[in-house]
């Protein structure tokens, strides 16, 4: 895992197509902006986990 320190207004690039920017910091929350092509979906962790859990459940239903 790469760990970086960024200030408001600073960004990180992933390859040529993805830019992650720190937009705002307030108390214990950080607002982050993502710029990515449409074929690179961006999910919050809890949404990604739910999506994959639902897919696993559907796959298991098909097997039984």
PDB file of N, CA and C in Angstrom:
ATOM      1  N   UNK A   1       0.843  -1.178   0.000  1.00  0.00           N
ATOM      2  CA  UNK A   1       0.000   0.000   0.000  1.00  0.00           C
ATOM      3  C   UNK A   1       0.885   1.238   0.000  1.00  0.00           C
ATOM      4  N   UNK A   2       0.592   2.134  -0.882  1.00  0.00           N
ATOM      5  CA  UNK A   2       1.279   3.420  -0.933  1.00  0.00           C
ATOM      6  C   UNK A   2       0.516   4.396  -0.047  1.00  0.00           C
ATOM      7  N   UNK A   3       1.208   5.063   0.863  1.00  0.00           N
ATOM      8  CA  UNK A   3       0.588   6.034   1.764  1.00  0.00           C
ATOM      9  C   UNK A   3       1.186   7.399   1.475  1.00  0.00           C
ATOM     10  N   UNK A   4       0.319   8.371   1.202  1.00  0.00           N
ATOM     11  CA  UNK A   4       0.746   9.721   0.855  1.00  0.00           C
ATOM     12  C   UNK A   4       0.076  10.741   1.763  1.00  0.00           C
ATOM     13  N   UNK A   5       0.696  11.885   1.892  1.00  0.00           N
ATOM     14  CA  UNK A   5       0.085  13.024   2.569  1.00  0.00           C
ATOM     15  C   UNK A   5      -0.201  14.078   1.516  1.00  0.00           C
ATOM     16  N   UNK A   6      -1.428  14.560   1.476  1.00  0.00           N
ATOM     17  CA  UNK A   6      -1.837  15.580   0.520  1.00  0.00           C
ATOM     18  C   UNK A   6      -2.574  16.678   1.277  1.00  0.00           C
ATOM     19  N   UNK A   7      -2.492  17.875   0.764  1.00  0.00           N
ATOM     20  CA  UNK A   7      -3.224  19.018   1.320  1.00  0.00           C
ATOM     21  C   UNK A   7      -4.404  19.348   0.403  1.00  0.00           C
ATOM     22  N   UNK A   8      -5.330  20.140   0.911  1.00  0.00           N
ATOM     23  CA  UNK A   8      -6.458  20.574   0.094  1.00  0.00           C
ATOM     24  C   UNK A   8      -5.927  21.223  -1.186  1.00  0.00           C
ATOM     25  N   UNK A   9      -6.491  20.816  -2.304  1.00  0.00           N
ATOM     26  CA  UNK A   9      -6.074  21.337  -3.605  1.00  0.00           C
ATOM     27  C   UNK A   9      -5.003  20.504  -4.283  1.00  0.00           C
ATOM     28  N   UNK A  10      -4.401  19.566  -3.561  1.00  0.00           N
ATOM     29  CA  UNK A  10      -3.377  18.706  -4.157  1.00  0.00           C
ATOM     30  C   UNK A  10      -4.020  17.424  -4.677  1.00  0.00           C
ATOM     31  N   UNK A  11      -3.330  16.780  -5.608  1.00  0.00           N
ATOM     32  CA  UNK A  11      -3.882  15.607  -6.282  1.00  0.00           C
ATOM     33  C   UNK A  11      -2.867  14.481  -6.367  1.00  0.00           C
ATOM     34  N   UNK A  12      -3.377  13.328  -6.750  1.00  0.00           N
ATOM     35  CA  UNK A  12      -2.575  12.140  -7.034  1.00  0.00           C
ATOM     36  C   UNK A  12      -3.056  11.615  -8.381  1.00  0.00           C
ATOM     37  N   UNK A  13      -2.147  11.163  -9.207  1.00  0.00           N
ATOM     38  CA  UNK A  13      -2.495  10.586 -10.506  1.00  0.00           C
ATOM     39  C   UNK A  13      -2.247   9.087 -10.477  1.00  0.00           C
ATOM     40  N   UNK A  14      -3.159   8.349 -11.075  1.00  0.00           N
ATOM     41  CA  UNK A  14      -2.984   6.917 -11.291  1.00  0.00           C
ATOM     42  C   UNK A  14      -2.987   6.722 -12.797  1.00  0.00           C
ATOM     43  N   UNK A  15      -1.827   6.398 -13.330  1.00  0.00           N
ATOM     44  CA  UNK A  15      -1.689   6.308 -14.781  1.00  0.00           C
ATOM     45  C   UNK A  15      -1.946   7.665 -15.412  1.00  0.00           C
ATOM     46  N   UNK A  16      -2.373   7.654 -16.659  1.00  0.00           N
ATOM     47  CA  UNK A  16      -2.643   8.899 -17.381  1.00  0.00           C
ATOM     48  C   UNK A  16      -4.091   9.352 -17.255  1.00  0.00           C
ATOM     49  N   UNK A  17      -4.981   8.440 -16.829  1.00  0.00           N
ATOM     50  CA  UNK A  17      -6.411   8.692 -16.935  1.00  0.00           C
ATOM     51  C   UNK A  17      -7.127   9.026 -15.631  1.00  0.00           C
ATOM     52  N   UNK A  18      -6.525   8.741 -14.490  1.00  0.00           N
ATOM     53  CA  UNK A  18      -7.243   8.884 -13.222  1.00  0.00           C
ATOM     54  C   UNK A  18      -6.562   9.925 -12.344  1.00  0.00           C
ATOM     55  N   UNK A  19      -7.360  10.863 -11.845  1.00  0.00           N
ATOM     56  CA  UNK A  19      -6.868  11.916 -10.961  1.00  0.00           C
ATOM     57  C   UNK A  19      -7.731  11.924  -9.699  1.00  0.00           C
ATOM     58  N   UNK A  20      -7.076  11.902  -8.545  1.00  0.00           N
ATOM     59  CA  UNK A  20      -7.755  11.950  -7.252  1.00  0.00           C
ATOM     60  C   UNK A  20      -7.300  13.217  -6.549  1.00  0.00           C
ATOM     61  N   UNK A  21      -8.260  14.061  -6.161  1.00  0.00           N
ATOM     62  CA  UNK A  21      -7.944  15.358  -5.561  1.00  0.00           C
ATOM     63  C   UNK A  21      -8.561  15.483  -4.172  1.00  0.00           C
ATOM     64  N   UNK A  22      -7.827  16.107  -3.262  1.00  0.00           N
ATOM     65  CA  UNK A  22      -8.363  16.433  -1.941  1.00  0.00           C
ATOM     66  C   UNK A  22      -9.092  17.765  -2.089  1.00  0.00           C
ATOM     67  N   UNK A  23     -10.401  17.760  -1.844  1.00  0.00           N
ATOM     68  CA  UNK A  23     -11.217  18.953  -2.046  1.00  0.00           C
ATOM     69  C   UNK A  23     -11.435  19.746  -0.768  1.00  0.00           C
ATOM     70  N   UNK A  24     -11.588  19.031   0.353  1.00  0.00           N
ATOM     71  CA  UNK A  24     -11.925  19.705   1.600  1.00  0.00           C
ATOM     72  C   UNK A  24     -11.603  18.783   2.768  1.00  0.00           C
ATOM     73  N   UNK A  25     -11.183  19.361   3.881  1.00  0.00           N
ATOM     74  CA  UNK A  25     -10.966  18.607   5.114  1.00  0.00           C
ATOM     75  C   UNK A  25     -11.698  19.353   6.220  1.00  0.00           C
ATOM     76  N   UNK A  26     -12.577  18.632   6.920  1.00  0.00           N
ATOM     77  CA  UNK A  26     -13.345  19.246   7.992  1.00  0.00           C
ATOM     78  C   UNK A  26     -13.470  18.226   9.128  1.00  0.00           C
ATOM     79  N   UNK A  27     -12.901  18.557  10.275  1.00  0.00           N
ATOM     80  CA  UNK A  27     -12.879  17.669  11.447  1.00  0.00           C
ATOM     81  C   UNK A  27     -12.345  16.308  11.033  1.00  0.00           C
ATOM     82  N   UNK A  28     -13.173  15.264  11.095  1.00  0.00           N
ATOM     83  CA  UNK A  28     -12.682  13.920  10.779  1.00  0.00           C
ATOM     84  C   UNK A  28     -13.168  13.438   9.413  1.00  0.00           C
ATOM     85  N   UNK A  29     -13.541  14.356   8.524  1.00  0.00           N
ATOM     86  CA  UNK A  29     -13.984  13.976   7.185  1.00  0.00           C
ATOM     87  C   UNK A  29     -13.101  14.624   6.126  1.00  0.00           C
ATOM     88  N   UNK A  30     -12.841  13.860   5.091  1.00  0.00           N
ATOM     89  CA  UNK A  30     -12.067  14.354   3.953  1.00  0.00           C
ATOM     90  C   UNK A  30     -12.943  14.209   2.713  1.00  0.00           C
ATOM     91  N   UNK A  31     -13.108  15.275   1.961  1.00  0.00           N
ATOM     92  CA  UNK A  31     -13.863  15.222   0.708  1.00  0.00           C
ATOM     93  C   UNK A  31     -12.856  15.027  -0.418  1.00  0.00           C
ATOM     94  N   UNK A  32     -13.069  13.963  -1.192  1.00  0.00           N
ATOM     95  CA  UNK A  32     -12.145  13.573  -2.248  1.00  0.00           C
ATOM     96  C   UNK A  32     -12.888  13.587  -3.573  1.00  0.00           C
ATOM     97  N   UNK A  33     -12.245  14.107  -4.607  1.00  0.00           N
ATOM     98  CA  UNK A  33     -12.819  14.097  -5.950  1.00  0.00           C
ATOM     99  C   UNK A  33     -12.058  13.140  -6.852  1.00  0.00           C
ATOM    100  N   UNK A  34     -12.795  12.438  -7.704  1.00  0.00           N
ATOM    101  CA  UNK A  34     -12.207  11.476  -8.629  1.00  0.00           C
ATOM    102  C   UNK A  34     -12.537  11.881 -10.055  1.00  0.00           C
ATOM    103  N   UNK A  35     -11.537  11.923 -10.902  1.00  0.00           N
ATOM    104  CA  UNK A  35     -11.732  12.118 -12.336  1.00  0.00           C
ATOM    105  C   UNK A  35     -11.212  10.865 -13.017  1.00  0.00           C
ATOM    106  N   UNK A  36     -12.121  10.154 -13.710  1.00  0.00           N
ATOM    107  CA  UNK A  36     -11.743   8.908 -14.369  1.00  0.00           C
ATOM    108  C   UNK A  36     -12.626   8.712 -15.596  1.00  0.00           C
ATOM    109  N   UNK A  37     -12.121   8.002 -16.593  1.00  0.00           N
ATOM    110  CA  UNK A  37     -12.945   7.697 -17.764  1.00  0.00           C
ATOM    111  C   UNK A  37     -14.158   6.858 -17.354  1.00  0.00           C
ATOM    112  N   UNK A  38     -15.183   6.897 -18.166  1.00  0.00           N
ATOM    113  CA  UNK A  38     -16.414   6.167 -17.867  1.00  0.00           C
ATOM    114  C   UNK A  38     -16.240   4.664 -17.733  1.00  0.00           C
ATOM    115  N   UNK A  39     -15.206   4.107 -18.346  1.00  0.00           N
ATOM    116  CA  UNK A  39     -15.002   2.659 -18.256  1.00  0.00           C
ATOM    117  C   UNK A  39     -14.213   2.257 -17.008  1.00  0.00           C
ATOM    118  N   UNK A  40     -13.950   3.213 -16.109  1.00  0.00           N
ATOM    119  CA  UNK A  40     -13.293   2.950 -14.829  1.00  0.00           C
ATOM    120  C   UNK A  40     -14.253   3.355 -13.707  1.00  0.00           C
ATOM    121  N   UNK A  41     -15.189   2.480 -13.332  1.00  0.00           N
ATOM    122  CA  UNK A  41     -16.138   2.866 -12.287  1.00  0.00           C
ATOM    123  C   UNK A  41     -15.426   3.095 -10.954  1.00  0.00           C
ATOM    124  N   UNK A  42     -15.948   4.024 -10.167  1.00  0.00           N
ATOM    125  CA  UNK A  42     -15.403   4.345  -8.848  1.00  0.00           C
ATOM    126  C   UNK A  42     -16.513   4.092  -7.835  1.00  0.00           C
ATOM    127  N   UNK A  43     -16.239   3.246  -6.840  1.00  0.00           N
ATOM    128  CA  UNK A  43     -17.227   2.891  -5.825  1.00  0.00           C
ATOM    129  C   UNK A  43     -16.700   3.201  -4.431  1.00  0.00           C
ATOM    130  N   UNK A  44     -17.584   3.588  -3.524  1.00  0.00           N
ATOM    131  CA  UNK A  44     -17.237   3.599  -2.102  1.00  0.00           C
ATOM    132  C   UNK A  44     -17.069   2.142  -1.675  1.00  0.00           C
ATOM    133  N   UNK A  45     -16.199   1.897  -0.717  1.00  0.00           N
ATOM    134  CA  UNK A  45     -15.882   0.526  -0.294  1.00  0.00           C
ATOM    135  C   UNK A  45     -17.129  -0.267   0.070  1.00  0.00           C
ATOM    136  N   UNK A  46     -18.032   0.317   0.860  1.00  0.00           N
ATOM    137  CA  UNK A  46     -19.213  -0.427   1.315  1.00  0.00           C
ATOM    138  C   UNK A  46     -20.140  -0.776   0.146  1.00  0.00           C
ATOM    139  N   UNK A  47     -20.186   0.055  -0.880  1.00  0.00           N
ATOM    140  CA  UNK A  47     -20.992  -0.244  -2.069  1.00  0.00           C
ATOM    141  C   UNK A  47     -20.343  -1.370  -2.864  1.00  0.00           C
ATOM    142  N   UNK A  48     -19.027  -1.313  -3.019  1.00  0.00           N
ATOM    143  CA  UNK A  48     -18.293  -2.356  -3.744  1.00  0.00           C
ATOM    144  C   UNK A  48     -18.477  -3.714  -3.063  1.00  0.00           C
ATOM    145  N   UNK A  49     -18.349  -3.740  -1.720  1.00  0.00           N
ATOM    146  CA  UNK A  49     -18.513  -4.995  -0.981  1.00  0.00           C
ATOM    147  C   UNK A  49     -19.923  -5.550  -1.152  1.00  0.00           C
ATOM    148  N   UNK A  50     -20.938  -4.689  -1.057  1.00  0.00           N
ATOM    149  CA  UNK A  50     -22.326  -5.127  -1.216  1.00  0.00           C
ATOM    150  C   UNK A  50     -22.549  -5.677  -2.619  1.00  0.00           C
ATOM    151  N   UNK A  51     -22.033  -4.983  -3.614  1.00  0.00           N
ATOM    152  CA  UNK A  51     -22.185  -5.423  -5.002  1.00  0.00           C
ATOM    153  C   UNK A  51     -21.573  -6.809  -5.198  1.00  0.00           C
ATOM    154  N   UNK A  52     -20.384  -7.026  -4.650  1.00  0.00           N
ATOM    155  CA  UNK A  52     -19.726  -8.317  -4.799  1.00  0.00           C
ATOM    156  C   UNK A  52     -20.381  -9.396  -3.947  1.00  0.00           C
ATOM    157  N   UNK A  53     -20.909  -9.040  -2.797  1.00  0.00           N
ATOM    158  CA  UNK A  53     -21.631 -10.016  -1.971  1.00  0.00           C
ATOM    159  C   UNK A  53     -22.894 -10.470  -2.696  1.00  0.00           C
ATOM    160  N   UNK A  54     -23.620  -9.524  -3.293  1.00  0.00           N
ATOM    161  CA  UNK A  54     -24.829  -9.863  -4.048  1.00  0.00           C
ATOM    162  C   UNK A  54     -24.491 -10.772  -5.223  1.00  0.00           C
ATOM    163  N   UNK A  55     -23.381 -10.493  -5.906  1.00  0.00           N
ATOM    164  CA  UNK A  55     -22.960 -11.320  -7.039  1.00  0.00           C
ATOM    165  C   UNK A  55     -22.598 -12.725  -6.566  1.00  0.00           C
ATOM    166  N   UNK A  56     -21.910 -12.831  -5.418  1.00  0.00           N
ATOM    167  CA  UNK A  56     -21.556 -14.140  -4.864  1.00  0.00           C
ATOM    168  C   UNK A  56     -22.808 -14.919  -4.481  1.00  0.00           C
ATOM    169  N   UNK A  57     -23.792 -14.237  -3.883  1.00  0.00           N
ATOM    170  CA  UNK A  57     -25.043 -14.894  -3.496  1.00  0.00           C
ATOM    171  C   UNK A  57     -25.780 -15.418  -4.723  1.00  0.00           C
ATOM    172  N   UNK A  58     -25.819 -14.635  -5.782  1.00  0.00           N
ATOM    173  CA  UNK A  58     -26.480 -15.042  -7.020  1.00  0.00           C
ATOM    174  C   UNK A  58     -25.765 -16.240  -7.628  1.00  0.00           C
ATOM    175  N   UNK A  59     -24.443 -16.220  -7.585  1.00  0.00           N
ATOM    176  CA  UNK A  59     -23.648 -17.324  -8.117  1.00  0.00           C
ATOM    177  C   UNK A  59     -23.915 -18.603  -7.329  1.00  0.00           C
ATOM    178  N   UNK A  60     -23.999 -18.497  -6.014  1.00  0.00           N
ATOM    179  CA  UNK A  60     -24.267 -19.668  -5.168  1.00  0.00           C
ATOM    180  C   UNK A  60     -25.672 -20.209  -5.425  1.00  0.00           C
ATOM    181  N   UNK A  61     -26.653 -19.340  -5.644  1.00  0.00           N
ATOM    182  CA  UNK A  61     -28.017 -19.773  -5.948  1.00  0.00           C
ATOM    183  C   UNK A  61     -28.053 -20.563  -7.248  1.00  0.00           C
ATOM    184  N   UNK A  62     -27.252 -20.179  -8.217  1.00  0.00           N
ATOM    185  CA  UNK A  62     -27.217 -20.864  -9.502  1.00  0.00           C
ATOM    186  C   UNK A  62     -26.609 -22.253  -9.371  1.00  0.00           C
ATOM    187  N   UNK A  63     -25.705 -22.437  -8.415  1.00  0.00           N
ATOM    188  CA  UNK A  63     -25.032 -23.724  -8.226  1.00  0.00           C
ATOM    189  C   UNK A  63     -25.942 -24.716  -7.517  1.00  0.00           C
ATOM    190  N   UNK A  64     -26.751 -24.247  -6.583  1.00  0.00           N
ATOM    191  CA  UNK A  64     -27.579 -25.171  -5.787  1.00  0.00           C
ATOM    192  C   UNK A  64     -28.890 -25.492  -6.423  1.00  0.00           C
TER     193      UNK A  64
END
